Amino acid sequence: MNRASKQQSVLVLNIVLCLLVVAYSIYSLIGYGLDGGTHSFWGLPRMRPSFADLRLLTHASGCKATVQELLRNLINCDPFSRSFNYPPIVLFLLRTFRINAESTSLLGVLQGILAILGVSLAFSQLSNLRLNTKILLLTICIGSFPFQLALERGNYDLWVLILLLPLGLLVDIPTHSLLKKIGIATLSFLLAALKIFPLIGIGFWYTWQQKTCLMKHGYLWIVCPAVLGVVLQAPYLGAIFGNTPKPTGELSFGLRAVYQGSSMFTIALALKTLTLLACFVLLTKLLTKYQFFYPIQSQQNSIFSLALWMIIPVYLLSLSFDYRLLFLLFAFPFVVNITSLKENSKTDQLLFSCFIRLSIVFVAYEQYLPGALGAIAHLLSDAIVQPALFIGLIGVLVCTQPRDAISQTVH
């Protein structure tokens, strides 16, 4: 069998595997929608009734309570008795479109399918990568624990992802038209109005990207609308933060998520501290080598850098449930895209890239492991792999600041 035939065979296998994962995901989604049986994608933890996170919103939309009453816990409409922790704009939109508890199953299935289609579209736009690689990365993303957990819970972060995709695509369009700017401004506003963490990501991303993707005064079209989206929530932020769950244990992640209250706390804390110190020293040495990675020449694939700038502050500053790690999956194509350049094919660059890739796969799939093996894997992920991975990703972003941005900063 010659080289071309082997590549064709691998492509066919990748396509078949991707289609199986997508089909299994849609089958699982429909099962959640019907709320029958106990099936879930690859046995991930399931809440009943299905789309539990989405129900907090749809049940609140259907009950006769004001936003203030819900946020102050004067009235609780959630079937799981959780406190309401969403901004008023969400309730306004749901009630405007008359979406209530009866719409939960249909909306959960539709938003899941939209997320799968959106991610597929985003990965298809990757530049510099072969079709084989794109399909493999897409399969890894859709089949991952964080993505599937978000689908099963009908989590609100899926809408952040769905809005992020067109924002990234608009940014990459090589034009400075007014229509493009209005689209970017609208999506930036909605992202920050729905959740606060996109504002931090957008701010960091714009600083990193400078003005290479927008016309003069681009901050007016992407940063200012995002700030406005958060400012409009200001009167409610205290209640929203107070009502937001503080996840602990195996379904949580973050720099401070060190098995709170468990017998492994001391071991995990010691491992995490040592890992952070070692990685900080290593990163400092790498950054002293100017252009450890060759800078990105253009603003292609802004979706992936935007998602990265969103998830890094989340990891460093907060505690979150594992579904939010779905944004980390976008680091994979970003790193692969960088190292696909011939200028980034030196041994130390490839080794660093391999570490990032393997770490992402480990973090995205270790939750599927059962029993004692799963407990050990999660300890390693929480205490060693995640801190090293996120420090490595910060280094990658610093080293790969777009060239135009570097020149503008200098001049």
Protein backbone atom coordinates (compact mmCIF):
# COMPACT_ATOMS: atom_id res chain seq x y z
CA MET A 1 0.00 0.00 0.00
CA ASN A 2 1.53 3.33 -1.05
CA ARG A 3 1.54 6.55 1.00
CA ALA A 4 -1.50 8.04 -0.76
CA SER A 5 -3.56 4.91 -0.13
CA LYS A 6 -2.63 4.90 3.56
CA GLN A 7 -3.62 8.52 3.92
CA GLN A 8 -6.91 7.81 2.18
CA SER A 9 -7.59 4.90 4.53
CA VAL A 10 -6.83 7.01 7.59
CA LEU A 11 -9.14 9.74 6.28
CA VAL A 12 -11.98 7.25 5.83
CA LEU A 13 -11.45 5.88 9.35
CA ASN A 14 -11.43 9.41 10.79
CA ILE A 15 -14.64 10.30 8.96
CA VAL A 16 -16.37 7.10 10.15
CA LEU A 17 -15.24 7.68 13.76
CA CYS A 18 -16.39 11.31 13.66
CA LEU A 19 -19.78 10.37 12.24
CA LEU A 20 -20.20 7.69 14.93
CA VAL A 21 -19.41 10.17 17.71
CA VAL A 22 -21.79 12.77 16.25
CA ALA A 23 -24.53 10.16 15.75
CA TYR A 24 -24.07 8.83 19.31
CA SER A 25 -24.20 12.40 20.63
CA ILE A 26 -27.46 13.14 18.81
CA TYR A 27 -28.90 9.77 19.92
CA SER A 28 -28.00 10.64 23.53
CA LEU A 29 -29.52 14.13 23.13
CA ILE A 30 -32.80 12.69 21.89
CA GLY A 31 -32.75 10.26 24.82
CA TYR A 32 -32.33 13.16 27.24
CA GLY A 33 -35.16 14.97 25.47
CA LEU A 34 -37.49 12.00 25.84
CA ASP A 35 -36.23 11.66 29.43
CA GLY A 36 -36.49 7.90 29.20
CA GLY A 37 -34.19 5.25 30.64
CA THR A 38 -30.84 5.87 32.28
CA HIS A 39 -28.66 6.04 29.17
CA SER A 40 -26.06 8.80 28.86
CA PHE A 41 -23.08 9.37 26.57
CA TRP A 42 -20.38 6.91 27.64
CA GLY A 43 -21.94 6.65 31.12
CA LEU A 44 -21.35 10.26 32.25
CA PRO A 45 -23.28 11.34 35.40
CA ARG A 46 -26.90 12.09 34.58
CA MET A 47 -29.46 14.26 36.39
CA ARG A 48 -33.18 13.55 36.19
CA PRO A 49 -35.23 15.18 34.82
CA SER A 50 -32.87 15.82 31.91
CA PHE A 51 -31.35 19.18 30.92
CA ALA A 52 -31.21 20.08 34.61
CA ASP A 53 -29.33 23.38 34.16
CA LEU A 54 -31.66 24.54 31.41
CA ARG A 55 -34.66 23.83 33.64
CA LEU A 56 -33.55 26.48 36.11
CA LEU A 57 -34.16 29.02 33.33
CA THR A 58 -37.25 27.59 31.66
CA HIS A 59 -39.06 26.97 34.95
CA ALA A 60 -38.22 30.51 36.12
CA SER A 61 -39.54 31.88 32.82
CA GLY A 62 -42.84 30.07 33.29
CA CYS A 63 -43.49 31.06 36.88
CA LYS A 64 -45.01 34.38 37.95
CA ALA A 65 -42.02 35.95 39.68
CA THR A 66 -39.96 39.04 39.03
CA VAL A 67 -36.19 38.95 38.55
CA GLN A 68 -35.75 40.59 41.96
CA GLU A 69 -37.92 37.96 43.67
CA LEU A 70 -35.98 35.15 42.01
CA LEU A 71 -32.54 36.59 42.78
CA ARG A 72 -33.48 37.27 46.41
CA ASN A 73 -34.83 33.73 46.76
CA LEU A 74 -38.25 35.07 47.75
CA ILE A 75 -39.70 32.71 45.14
CA ASN A 76 -37.98 29.53 43.94
CA CYS A 77 -39.25 27.93 40.74
CA ASP A 78 -36.42 25.45 40.15
CA PRO A 79 -37.34 21.72 40.28
CA PHE A 80 -34.02 21.10 42.09
CA SER A 81 -34.54 24.06 44.49
CA ARG A 82 -31.41 25.86 43.27
CA SER A 83 -31.12 29.62 43.59
CA PHE A 84 -31.61 31.71 40.45
CA ASN A 85 -28.28 33.17 39.29
CA TYR A 86 -28.85 34.56 35.80
CA PRO A 87 -29.01 38.16 34.52
CA PRO A 88 -32.39 39.78 33.75
CA ILE A 89 -31.79 39.78 29.97
CA VAL A 90 -32.05 35.98 29.92
CA LEU A 91 -35.43 35.96 31.61
CA PHE A 92 -36.60 38.80 29.35
CA LEU A 93 -35.64 36.86 26.20
CA LEU A 94 -37.22 33.61 27.38
CA ARG A 95 -40.49 35.28 28.34
CA THR A 96 -40.55 37.32 25.13
CA PHE A 97 -40.39 34.12 23.09
CA ARG A 98 -42.74 32.33 25.53
CA ILE A 99 -40.23 29.65 26.40
CA ASN A 100 -41.16 27.87 29.63
CA ALA A 101 -40.85 24.51 31.39
CA GLU A 102 -42.78 22.73 28.64
CA SER A 103 -40.18 23.88 26.10
CA THR A 104 -37.21 22.45 28.02
CA SER A 105 -36.76 19.16 26.19
CA LEU A 106 -37.12 20.63 22.69
CA LEU A 107 -34.84 23.57 23.51
CA GLY A 108 -32.26 21.27 25.10
CA VAL A 109 -32.09 19.07 22.02
CA LEU A 110 -31.98 22.06 19.63
CA GLN A 111 -29.23 23.91 21.50
CA GLY A 112 -27.20 20.68 21.65
CA ILE A 113 -27.51 20.15 17.89
CA LEU A 114 -26.68 23.84 17.28
CA ALA A 115 -23.55 23.48 19.40
CA ILE A 116 -22.44 20.38 17.48
CA LEU A 117 -23.07 22.08 14.12
CA GLY A 118 -21.36 25.28 15.25
CA VAL A 119 -18.23 23.49 16.48
CA SER A 120 -18.13 21.49 13.23
CA LEU A 121 -18.28 24.72 11.21
CA ALA A 122 -15.57 26.33 13.33
CA PHE A 123 -13.19 23.41 12.92
CA SER A 124 -13.82 23.31 9.18
CA GLN A 125 -12.49 26.88 8.96
CA LEU A 126 -9.08 25.96 10.40
CA SER A 127 -6.27 27.18 8.20
CA ASN A 128 -2.95 25.39 7.60
CA LEU A 129 -4.33 21.98 8.63
CA ARG A 130 -5.08 18.90 6.57
CA LEU A 131 -8.62 17.54 6.42
CA ASN A 132 -7.51 14.46 8.37
CA THR A 133 -6.32 16.61 11.26
CA LYS A 134 -9.44 18.79 11.28
CA ILE A 135 -11.74 15.76 11.50
CA LEU A 136 -9.68 14.15 14.27
CA LEU A 137 -9.69 17.36 16.33
CA LEU A 138 -13.45 17.73 15.84
CA THR A 139 -14.01 14.14 17.02
CA ILE A 140 -11.91 14.72 20.14
CA CYS A 141 -13.84 17.91 20.94
CA ILE A 142 -17.37 16.52 20.50
CA GLY A 143 -16.62 13.26 22.32
CA SER A 144 -14.97 14.97 25.31
CA PHE A 145 -16.42 14.83 28.82
CA PRO A 146 -16.88 18.63 29.21
CA PHE A 147 -18.74 18.97 25.91
CA GLN A 148 -20.98 15.98 26.59
CA LEU A 149 -21.66 17.12 30.17
CA ALA A 150 -22.77 20.51 28.83
CA LEU A 151 -25.10 18.76 26.38
CA GLU A 152 -26.60 16.51 29.07
CA ARG A 153 -27.21 19.38 31.49
CA GLY A 154 -28.43 21.71 28.74
CA ASN A 155 -25.94 24.14 30.19
CA TYR A 156 -26.09 27.87 29.54
CA ASP A 157 -22.42 27.93 28.47
CA LEU A 158 -23.48 26.29 25.21
CA TRP A 159 -25.09 29.61 24.23
CA VAL A 160 -21.86 31.42 25.01
CA LEU A 161 -20.15 28.95 22.68
CA ILE A 162 -22.84 29.32 20.00
CA LEU A 163 -22.48 33.15 20.05
CA LEU A 164 -18.69 32.97 20.18
CA LEU A 165 -18.53 31.06 16.88
CA PRO A 166 -20.06 33.77 14.63
CA LEU A 167 -18.07 36.44 16.51
CA GLY A 168 -14.82 34.68 15.65
CA LEU A 169 -15.90 34.18 12.05
CA LEU A 170 -16.86 37.86 11.68
CA VAL A 171 -13.52 38.99 13.09
CA ASP A 172 -11.71 36.93 10.45
CA ILE A 173 -13.61 38.40 7.50
CA PRO A 174 -11.06 40.54 5.59
CA THR A 175 -13.14 43.71 5.45
CA HIS A 176 -13.70 46.78 7.62
CA SER A 177 -17.33 47.35 6.67
CA LEU A 178 -19.85 48.95 9.00
CA LEU A 179 -22.04 45.84 8.86
CA LYS A 180 -19.17 43.72 10.16
CA LYS A 181 -18.57 46.16 13.02
CA ILE A 182 -22.25 46.20 13.99
CA GLY A 183 -22.31 42.39 14.00
CA ILE A 184 -19.19 42.23 16.18
CA ALA A 185 -20.57 44.85 18.58
CA THR A 186 -23.90 43.03 18.91
CA LEU A 187 -22.31 39.65 19.60
CA SER A 188 -19.79 41.11 22.07
CA PHE A 189 -22.63 42.80 23.96
CA LEU A 190 -24.72 39.62 24.09
CA LEU A 191 -21.80 37.45 25.22
CA ALA A 192 -20.99 39.71 28.16
CA ALA A 193 -24.65 40.35 28.98
CA LEU A 194 -25.28 36.60 29.23
CA LYS A 195 -22.11 35.78 31.20
CA ILE A 196 -19.38 37.92 32.77
CA PHE A 197 -16.35 35.77 31.95
CA PRO A 198 -16.48 36.53 28.18
CA LEU A 199 -15.77 40.21 28.99
CA ILE A 200 -12.42 39.30 30.58
CA GLY A 201 -11.57 37.06 27.66
CA ILE A 202 -12.53 39.67 25.07
CA GLY A 203 -10.46 42.32 26.86
CA PHE A 204 -7.35 40.13 27.02
CA TRP A 205 -7.87 38.95 23.45
CA TYR A 206 -8.16 42.47 22.08
CA THR A 207 -5.00 43.54 23.93
CA TRP A 208 -3.19 40.50 22.48
CA GLN A 209 -4.58 41.01 18.99
CA GLN A 210 -4.27 44.81 19.06
CA LYS A 211 -5.98 46.36 16.00
CA THR A 212 -5.08 43.82 13.37
CA CYS A 213 -8.62 42.58 12.82
CA LEU A 214 -10.66 45.79 13.03
CA MET A 215 -10.44 49.29 11.66
CA LYS A 216 -9.20 52.23 13.67
CA HIS A 217 -10.66 52.47 17.19
CA GLY A 218 -11.65 48.82 17.08
CA TYR A 219 -12.06 48.73 20.87
CA LEU A 220 -15.28 50.75 20.35
CA TRP A 221 -16.75 47.83 18.41
CA ILE A 222 -15.67 44.87 20.54
CA VAL A 223 -14.55 45.88 24.05
CA CYS A 224 -16.97 48.73 24.79
CA PRO A 225 -20.13 46.73 23.90
CA ALA A 226 -18.91 43.92 26.15
CA VAL A 227 -18.32 46.37 29.00
CA LEU A 228 -21.82 47.79 28.44
CA GLY A 229 -23.26 44.26 28.63
CA VAL A 230 -21.78 43.81 32.11
CA VAL A 231 -22.58 47.36 33.30
CA LEU A 232 -26.29 46.77 32.63
CA GLN A 233 -26.10 43.82 35.02
CA ALA A 234 -24.39 45.85 37.76
CA PRO A 235 -27.42 46.16 40.11
CA TYR A 236 -27.82 42.38 40.06
CA LEU A 237 -24.19 41.21 40.19
CA GLY A 238 -24.07 40.80 43.97
CA ALA A 239 -27.11 38.52 44.00
CA ILE A 240 -25.92 36.61 40.92
CA PHE A 241 -22.51 35.91 42.49
CA GLY A 242 -24.11 35.03 45.82
CA ASN A 243 -26.47 32.52 44.21
CA THR A 244 -23.86 30.97 41.91
CA PRO A 245 -22.95 27.42 43.06
CA LYS A 246 -19.38 26.89 44.29
CA PRO A 247 -18.53 23.46 42.86
CA THR A 248 -16.38 21.09 44.85
CA GLY A 249 -15.01 17.62 44.23
CA GLU A 250 -14.62 15.71 41.02
CA LEU A 251 -16.90 17.79 38.77
CA SER A 252 -15.08 21.04 39.56
CA PHE A 253 -11.98 22.66 38.11
CA GLY A 254 -9.91 25.76 38.70
CA LEU A 255 -6.68 26.79 40.33
CA ARG A 256 -8.39 26.73 43.74
CA ALA A 257 -10.27 23.47 43.13
CA VAL A 258 -8.08 21.17 45.22
CA TYR A 259 -10.50 18.48 46.41
CA GLN A 260 -12.08 20.74 48.98
CA GLY A 261 -12.85 18.83 52.17
CA SER A 262 -11.37 15.55 50.95
CA SER A 263 -8.66 13.44 52.56
CA MET A 264 -6.43 14.10 49.53
CA PHE A 265 -6.45 17.87 50.04
CA THR A 266 -2.93 18.11 51.48
CA ILE A 267 -1.41 15.84 48.82
CA ALA A 268 -3.18 17.67 45.99
CA LEU A 269 -2.23 21.09 47.38
CA ALA A 270 1.44 20.11 47.71
CA LEU A 271 1.55 18.67 44.18
CA LYS A 272 -0.18 21.70 42.70
CA THR A 273 2.17 24.13 44.46
CA LEU A 274 5.27 22.29 43.27
CA THR A 275 3.87 22.07 39.73
CA LEU A 276 3.11 25.79 39.61
CA LEU A 277 6.60 26.72 40.83
CA ALA A 278 8.33 24.38 38.38
CA CYS A 279 6.21 25.51 35.43
CA PHE A 280 6.67 29.18 36.28
CA VAL A 281 10.45 28.75 36.23
CA LEU A 282 10.28 26.82 32.96
CA LEU A 283 7.97 29.38 31.35
CA THR A 284 10.27 32.22 32.37
CA LYS A 285 13.18 30.48 30.67
CA LEU A 286 11.16 29.86 27.52
CA LEU A 287 10.04 33.48 27.30
CA THR A 288 13.65 34.66 27.46
CA LYS A 289 14.05 32.97 24.06
CA TYR A 290 12.33 35.60 21.91
CA GLN A 291 9.84 34.06 19.49
CA PHE A 292 9.97 30.58 21.02
CA PHE A 293 7.05 30.09 18.66
CA TYR A 294 6.88 31.96 15.38
CA PRO A 295 4.19 34.69 15.65
CA ILE A 296 0.90 34.32 13.82
CA GLN A 297 0.97 36.34 10.60
CA SER A 298 -2.77 36.96 10.31
CA GLN A 299 -5.94 36.85 12.35
CA GLN A 300 -7.22 33.55 11.01
CA ASN A 301 -9.05 31.29 13.46
CA SER A 302 -9.84 34.02 15.99
CA ILE A 303 -12.52 31.74 17.47
CA PHE A 304 -9.83 29.58 19.03
CA SER A 305 -7.73 32.38 20.51
CA LEU A 306 -10.90 34.06 21.85
CA ALA A 307 -11.99 30.84 23.58
CA LEU A 308 -8.51 30.44 25.05
CA TRP A 309 -8.48 33.95 26.46
CA MET A 310 -11.87 33.20 28.05
CA ILE A 311 -10.95 29.91 29.73
CA ILE A 312 -7.53 30.93 31.11
CA PRO A 313 -8.89 33.68 33.47
CA VAL A 314 -11.73 31.32 34.47
CA TYR A 315 -9.19 28.70 35.54
CA LEU A 316 -6.97 31.19 37.39
CA LEU A 317 -9.68 33.23 39.15
CA SER A 318 -12.70 31.03 39.82
CA LEU A 319 -14.17 27.65 40.62
CA SER A 320 -16.27 26.15 37.83
CA PHE A 321 -17.97 22.94 36.85
CA ASP A 322 -16.18 20.74 34.34
CA TYR A 323 -18.52 21.61 31.46
CA ARG A 324 -16.76 24.99 31.14
CA LEU A 325 -13.62 23.12 30.10
CA LEU A 326 -15.29 22.77 26.70
CA PHE A 327 -13.63 26.11 25.86
CA LEU A 328 -10.27 24.47 26.59
CA LEU A 329 -10.89 22.10 23.67
CA PHE A 330 -10.33 25.09 21.39
CA ALA A 331 -6.73 25.22 22.56
CA PHE A 332 -6.08 22.02 20.66
CA PRO A 333 -6.53 23.38 17.11
CA PHE A 334 -4.85 26.64 18.13
CA VAL A 335 -1.66 24.84 19.20
CA VAL A 336 -1.78 22.39 16.29
CA ASN A 337 -2.21 25.31 13.88
CA ILE A 338 0.84 27.07 15.30
CA THR A 339 3.11 24.05 15.10
CA SER A 340 1.94 23.25 11.58
CA LEU A 341 4.13 26.14 10.42
CA LYS A 342 7.58 25.06 9.26
CA GLU A 343 9.13 27.77 11.43
CA ASN A 344 7.75 26.02 14.52
CA SER A 345 9.03 22.51 13.84
CA LYS A 346 12.18 22.50 16.00
CA THR A 347 12.54 19.71 18.54
CA ASP A 348 11.85 21.81 21.65
CA GLN A 349 8.81 23.39 19.98
CA LEU A 350 7.39 20.01 18.96
CA LEU A 351 7.97 18.52 22.43
CA PHE A 352 6.22 21.48 24.04
CA SER A 353 3.36 21.15 21.56
CA CYS A 354 3.04 17.41 22.23
CA PHE A 355 2.80 18.10 25.97
CA ILE A 356 -0.01 20.62 25.39
CA ARG A 357 -1.91 18.25 23.09
CA LEU A 358 -1.61 15.19 25.35
CA SER A 359 -2.54 17.25 28.42
CA ILE A 360 -5.70 18.57 26.76
CA VAL A 361 -6.79 15.07 25.77
CA PHE A 362 -6.08 13.78 29.28
CA VAL A 363 -8.02 16.59 30.97
CA ALA A 364 -10.93 16.21 28.51
CA TYR A 365 -11.28 12.43 28.88
CA GLU A 366 -10.00 11.38 32.34
CA GLN A 367 -13.47 11.86 33.83
CA TYR A 368 -14.71 8.88 31.83
CA LEU A 369 -12.35 6.55 33.73
CA PRO A 370 -14.14 4.42 36.37
CA GLY A 371 -13.45 3.70 40.03
CA ALA A 372 -10.01 3.97 41.62
CA LEU A 373 -8.36 4.56 38.25
CA GLY A 374 -10.61 7.55 37.70
CA ALA A 375 -9.86 8.93 41.19
CA ILE A 376 -6.11 8.73 40.59
CA ALA A 377 -6.45 10.25 37.12
CA HIS A 378 -8.50 13.16 38.47
CA LEU A 379 -5.96 13.81 41.22
CA LEU A 380 -3.19 13.95 38.61
CA SER A 381 -5.32 16.16 36.38
CA ASP A 382 -6.26 18.59 39.15
CA ALA A 383 -2.88 18.80 40.90
CA ILE A 384 -0.34 18.44 38.09
CA VAL A 385 -1.65 18.38 34.53
CA GLN A 386 -4.06 21.33 34.64
CA PRO A 387 -1.69 23.83 36.31
CA ALA A 388 1.14 22.89 33.92
CA LEU A 389 -1.22 23.02 30.95
CA PHE A 390 -2.63 26.47 31.69
CA ILE A 391 0.77 27.99 32.40
CA GLY A 392 1.96 26.44 29.12
CA LEU A 393 -1.00 27.95 27.26
CA ILE A 394 -0.23 31.40 28.68
CA GLY A 395 3.30 31.00 27.36
CA VAL A 396 2.01 29.97 23.93
CA LEU A 397 -0.26 33.01 23.70
CA VAL A 398 2.50 35.39 24.76
CA CYS A 399 4.97 33.89 22.30
CA THR A 400 2.50 33.91 19.42
CA GLN A 401 1.29 37.49 19.67
CA PRO A 402 0.43 38.53 16.10
CA ARG A 403 3.27 40.25 14.27
CA ASP A 404 1.21 43.26 13.32
CA ALA A 405 0.35 43.74 16.98
CA ILE A 406 4.02 43.54 17.97
CA SER A 407 5.02 46.15 15.38
CA GLN A 408 2.18 48.46 16.43
CA THR A 409 3.18 48.13 20.07
CA VAL A 410 6.78 49.00 19.22
CA HIS A 411 5.89 51.95 16.99
